[in-house]
Each structure stands twice: as structure tokens, then as C-alpha cells.
Amino acid sequence: NYTFKNKFLFTGTFRRDGSSRFGKENRYGNFPSVALGYNLIEEGFLQNQSILSNLKIRGSWGKIGNDKIAFYEGRPVVTGNQNAVFGENEELIYGATLTRLANPFIKW
């Protein structure tokens, strides 16, 4: 937090989070934020009045992230118990199949 002449206000933050729900390349996310404010009550035209005790204008911007996705969402899924019949003897073969491709691009 920084204040200049009790009129101009500045706040800045930075956060870095990590989640095992993402692949190695996108495991961490950076989340900055800034806010600027102006303390209007310090202006001369508001000094000698009794209606307001404080009056500020503030604007802010920030980046947020969300890791509320299913576990292993970016990894491929192989499902077992996918049986098939092959050959003249109609032999039952036990197998597995790829039911979801990997998505390494999922990120915050």
C-alpha cells in the first residue's frame, strides 16, 4: 500500500498458486492485482462541510484463477473391461480402450 499526500492511493499484490490438477507445463499460475484510489475529501472544496466524513473513488483490476476441475482432466483415460469377440471360434477377448485423449493445454 502506498499513499501520496493523503490523496492518491495505490495498492498492488501478486500471488502464485500451484495445483496438481494441471499438467507439468501449466501447474502454476500468476495472479497480479492493482488498485488506484483518490481521496476526494482532501480537496479544498470539501474541507469545510459537515455532511461527509470520508469520500474516496477507487478502481481495481486483478487476475483470478480456478482449479476446480476434475482430477486428471488433462490426462488420457483408458477403460478396461472392453470385451470383443474375434475369429471363427468366436473367442471372447478381454481388452481396454482409450476413452479420453490427453489435453495438456488445460490451465488456470
Protein backbone atom coordinates (compact mmCIF):
# COMPACT_ATOMS: atom_id res chain seq x y z
CA ASN A 1 0.00 0.00 0.00
CA TYR A 2 1.21 3.49 -0.84
CA THR A 3 -0.38 6.89 -0.15
CA PHE A 4 0.83 10.19 -1.59
CA LYS A 5 -0.23 13.46 0.11
CA ASN A 6 -3.11 11.55 1.71
CA LYS A 7 -4.94 11.94 -1.65
CA PHE A 8 -3.57 9.36 -4.05
CA LEU A 9 -3.74 5.70 -3.06
CA PHE A 10 -2.02 2.71 -4.66
CA THR A 11 -2.20 -0.98 -3.78
CA GLY A 12 -0.52 -3.85 -5.59
CA THR A 13 -0.43 -7.58 -4.88
CA PHE A 14 0.99 -10.67 -6.55
CA ARG A 15 0.13 -14.30 -5.90
CA ARG A 16 1.49 -17.52 -7.46
CA ASP A 17 -0.54 -20.69 -6.97
CA GLY A 18 0.12 -24.28 -7.97
CA SER A 19 -2.27 -27.18 -8.46
CA SER A 20 -1.66 -30.85 -9.23
CA ARG A 21 -4.87 -30.89 -11.27
CA PHE A 22 -2.96 -29.45 -14.25
CA GLY A 23 -0.12 -30.91 -16.30
CA LYS A 24 3.55 -30.10 -15.61
CA GLU A 25 3.63 -27.22 -18.11
CA ASN A 26 0.60 -25.43 -16.63
CA ARG A 27 0.82 -26.38 -12.97
CA TYR A 28 1.44 -22.83 -11.70
CA GLY A 29 -0.47 -19.61 -12.33
CA ASN A 30 0.48 -15.97 -11.64
CA PHE A 31 -2.23 -13.65 -10.31
CA PRO A 32 -1.39 -9.93 -10.07
CA SER A 33 -3.74 -7.15 -8.96
CA VAL A 34 -3.57 -3.36 -8.71
CA ALA A 35 -5.87 -0.70 -7.28
CA LEU A 36 -5.80 3.09 -7.60
CA GLY A 37 -7.75 5.47 -5.42
CA TYR A 38 -8.36 9.16 -4.99
CA ASN A 39 -9.34 10.64 -1.63
CA LEU A 40 -11.81 13.39 -2.61
CA ILE A 41 -12.41 14.52 0.97
CA GLU A 42 -8.90 16.07 0.95
CA GLU A 43 -9.88 18.54 -1.79
CA GLY A 44 -10.32 22.16 -0.73
CA PHE A 45 -13.96 22.43 -1.80
CA LEU A 46 -14.90 19.57 0.59
CA GLN A 47 -12.82 20.71 3.60
CA ASN A 48 -15.36 22.97 5.34
CA GLN A 49 -18.51 20.88 5.12
CA SER A 50 -20.13 18.64 7.74
CA ILE A 51 -22.15 16.18 5.62
CA LEU A 52 -19.33 13.85 4.55
CA SER A 53 -16.59 12.46 6.77
CA ASN A 54 -14.90 10.40 4.04
CA LEU A 55 -15.23 10.19 0.23
CA LYS A 56 -12.97 8.07 -1.99
CA ILE A 57 -13.06 6.85 -5.57
CA ARG A 58 -11.32 3.55 -6.21
CA GLY A 59 -10.77 1.35 -9.24
CA SER A 60 -9.07 -2.03 -9.32
CA TRP A 61 -8.02 -4.81 -11.66
CA GLY A 62 -6.94 -8.34 -10.85
CA LYS A 63 -6.43 -11.71 -12.44
CA ILE A 64 -8.00 -14.77 -10.82
CA GLY A 65 -7.63 -18.49 -11.40
CA ASN A 66 -9.77 -21.55 -10.90
CA ASP A 67 -8.54 -25.11 -10.39
CA LYS A 68 -11.99 -26.59 -9.73
CA ILE A 69 -11.77 -29.18 -12.50
CA ALA A 70 -11.99 -32.95 -12.19
CA PHE A 71 -8.84 -34.77 -11.09
CA TYR A 72 -6.67 -35.95 -14.01
CA GLU A 73 -8.78 -33.99 -16.53
CA GLY A 74 -5.73 -33.33 -18.70
CA ARG A 75 -4.57 -36.95 -18.77
CA PRO A 76 -5.71 -39.75 -21.07
CA VAL A 77 -8.20 -42.30 -19.73
CA VAL A 78 -8.05 -45.99 -20.60
CA THR A 79 -11.14 -48.01 -19.71
CA GLY A 80 -10.85 -51.75 -19.14
CA ASN A 81 -13.46 -54.49 -19.44
CA GLN A 82 -14.00 -53.72 -23.13
CA ASN A 83 -14.61 -57.25 -24.38
CA ALA A 84 -14.80 -58.26 -28.04
CA VAL A 85 -15.47 -61.46 -29.96
CA PHE A 86 -12.89 -62.47 -32.60
CA GLY A 87 -12.20 -65.30 -35.01
CA GLU A 88 -14.06 -68.29 -36.36
CA ASN A 89 -14.42 -69.76 -32.88
CA GLU A 90 -15.98 -66.50 -31.66
CA GLU A 91 -13.45 -66.33 -28.88
CA LEU A 92 -14.08 -63.66 -26.21
CA ILE A 93 -11.02 -61.40 -25.89
CA TYR A 94 -10.64 -59.09 -22.90
CA GLY A 95 -9.26 -55.66 -23.65
CA ALA A 96 -9.14 -51.97 -22.93
CA THR A 97 -9.75 -48.86 -24.98
CA LEU A 98 -8.75 -45.22 -24.87
CA THR A 99 -11.91 -43.33 -23.84
CA ARG A 100 -10.44 -39.83 -23.44
CA LEU A 101 -7.44 -38.22 -25.11
CA ALA A 102 -4.91 -36.23 -23.10
CA ASN A 103 -5.34 -32.44 -23.07
CA PRO A 104 -2.04 -30.85 -21.96
CA PHE A 105 -3.41 -27.35 -22.69
CA ILE A 106 -5.82 -27.15 -19.73
CA LYS A 107 -4.66 -24.33 -17.48
CA TRP A 108 -5.80 -21.86 -14.87
